[in-house]
């Protein structure tokens, strides 16, 4: 019977393996950076709108409906996009139908 253990190549170095195990088992912040679902097209457009506006005050759904780049989307589509951005923690819901980027 041949010795297979001598013919097997290691998958990773010991340090790479230990780092990977640490990230999987103990590093709780590493899992939060993974985005299981990419943002929808409307959510991306809303996020771009928030990043590009000159006036950094919180915006409402009414402001979003008036924006040129978002005019082709329905109100329910905009609401769904906002919900996805809030869930992904890319924008904050300030209550009272007011939204802003984190850190504003």
Protein backbone atom coordinates (compact mmCIF):
# COMPACT_ATOMS: atom_id res chain seq x y z
CA UNK A 1 0.00 0.00 0.00
CA UNK A 2 1.50 3.41 -0.93
CA UNK A 3 2.07 6.07 1.72
CA UNK A 4 -0.43 8.75 0.75
CA UNK A 5 0.50 11.08 3.59
CA UNK A 6 3.78 12.00 1.90
CA UNK A 7 2.05 12.85 -1.37
CA UNK A 8 -0.59 15.19 -0.01
CA UNK A 9 0.16 18.89 -0.36
CA UNK A 10 -0.81 21.12 2.57
CA UNK A 11 -3.86 23.30 1.95
CA UNK A 12 -2.47 26.30 3.81
CA UNK A 13 0.37 27.17 6.11
CA UNK A 14 -0.18 26.62 9.80
CA UNK A 15 -0.56 30.35 10.47
CA UNK A 16 -3.09 30.80 7.65
CA UNK A 17 -5.05 27.86 9.01
CA UNK A 18 -5.04 29.25 12.56
CA UNK A 19 -6.10 32.72 11.33
CA UNK A 20 -8.96 31.18 9.37
CA UNK A 21 -10.13 29.13 12.36
CA UNK A 22 -9.95 32.20 14.60
CA UNK A 23 -12.04 34.25 12.15
CA UNK A 24 -14.63 31.52 11.82
CA UNK A 25 -14.89 30.70 15.50
CA UNK A 26 -14.14 33.83 17.48
CA UNK A 27 -14.01 36.96 15.33
CA UNK A 28 -17.61 38.15 15.51
CA UNK A 29 -17.04 41.28 13.43
CA UNK A 30 -15.76 39.32 10.42
CA UNK A 31 -19.22 37.85 9.79
CA UNK A 32 -20.88 41.26 9.75
CA UNK A 33 -18.79 42.45 6.83
CA UNK A 34 -20.18 39.77 4.55
CA UNK A 35 -23.13 40.90 2.47
CA UNK A 36 -25.27 37.81 1.77
CA UNK A 37 -27.44 39.59 -0.82
CA UNK A 38 -26.30 42.39 -3.05
CA UNK A 39 -28.33 45.58 -2.94
CA UNK A 40 -31.13 45.99 -5.45
CA UNK A 41 -30.83 48.55 -8.24
CA UNK A 42 -33.17 51.01 -6.52
CA UNK A 43 -31.26 50.65 -3.23
CA UNK A 44 -27.99 51.41 -5.05
CA UNK A 45 -29.52 54.49 -6.67
CA UNK A 46 -30.86 55.74 -3.32
CA UNK A 47 -27.45 55.22 -1.72
CA UNK A 48 -25.75 57.12 -4.57
CA UNK A 49 -28.29 59.91 -4.13
CA UNK A 50 -27.43 60.23 -0.44
CA UNK A 51 -23.71 60.24 -1.19
CA UNK A 52 -23.95 62.88 -3.93
CA UNK A 53 -26.37 65.44 -2.50
CA UNK A 54 -24.82 68.74 -1.56
CA UNK A 55 -27.12 69.50 1.37
CA UNK A 56 -26.28 66.98 4.08
CA UNK A 57 -29.57 67.30 5.97
CA UNK A 58 -31.79 64.23 6.42
CA UNK A 59 -34.10 63.50 3.49
CA UNK A 60 -37.67 62.23 3.42
CA UNK A 61 -39.46 59.88 1.05
CA UNK A 62 -40.99 62.95 -0.57
CA UNK A 63 -37.48 64.29 -1.35
CA UNK A 64 -36.54 60.94 -2.89
CA UNK A 65 -39.60 60.93 -5.15
CA UNK A 66 -38.63 64.40 -6.46
CA UNK A 67 -35.01 63.42 -7.24
CA UNK A 68 -34.29 63.11 -10.96
CA UNK A 69 -32.32 59.87 -10.68
CA UNK A 70 -35.11 58.21 -8.66
CA UNK A 71 -38.11 59.50 -10.62
CA UNK A 72 -38.58 56.21 -12.51
CA UNK A 73 -39.22 54.20 -9.34
CA UNK A 74 -42.56 53.74 -7.61
CA UNK A 75 -43.14 54.73 -4.00
CA UNK A 76 -43.24 51.08 -2.91
CA UNK A 77 -39.96 50.45 -4.75
CA UNK A 78 -38.35 53.38 -2.95
CA UNK A 79 -39.65 52.12 0.39
CA UNK A 80 -38.24 48.64 -0.31
CA UNK A 81 -34.88 50.16 -1.27
CA UNK A 82 -34.81 52.23 1.91
CA UNK A 83 -35.65 49.14 3.98
CA UNK A 84 -32.76 47.21 2.42
CA UNK A 85 -30.34 50.07 3.05
CA UNK A 86 -31.46 50.36 6.67
CA UNK A 87 -31.08 46.60 7.14
CA UNK A 88 -27.58 46.76 5.61
CA UNK A 89 -26.86 49.73 7.95
CA UNK A 90 -25.90 51.98 5.04
CA UNK A 91 -28.45 54.65 6.01
CA UNK A 92 -30.18 55.58 9.24
CA UNK A 93 -33.87 55.99 9.78
CA UNK A 94 -34.19 59.10 11.89
CA UNK A 95 -37.91 58.56 12.46
CA UNK A 96 -40.70 60.75 11.17
CA UNK A 97 -40.00 59.60 7.57
CA UNK A 98 -36.48 61.05 7.71
CA UNK A 99 -33.33 59.26 6.48
CA UNK A 100 -29.63 60.11 6.54
CA UNK A 101 -26.23 58.54 6.05
CA UNK A 102 -24.45 57.34 9.19
CA UNK A 103 -22.09 59.99 10.51
CA UNK A 104 -24.08 63.02 9.30
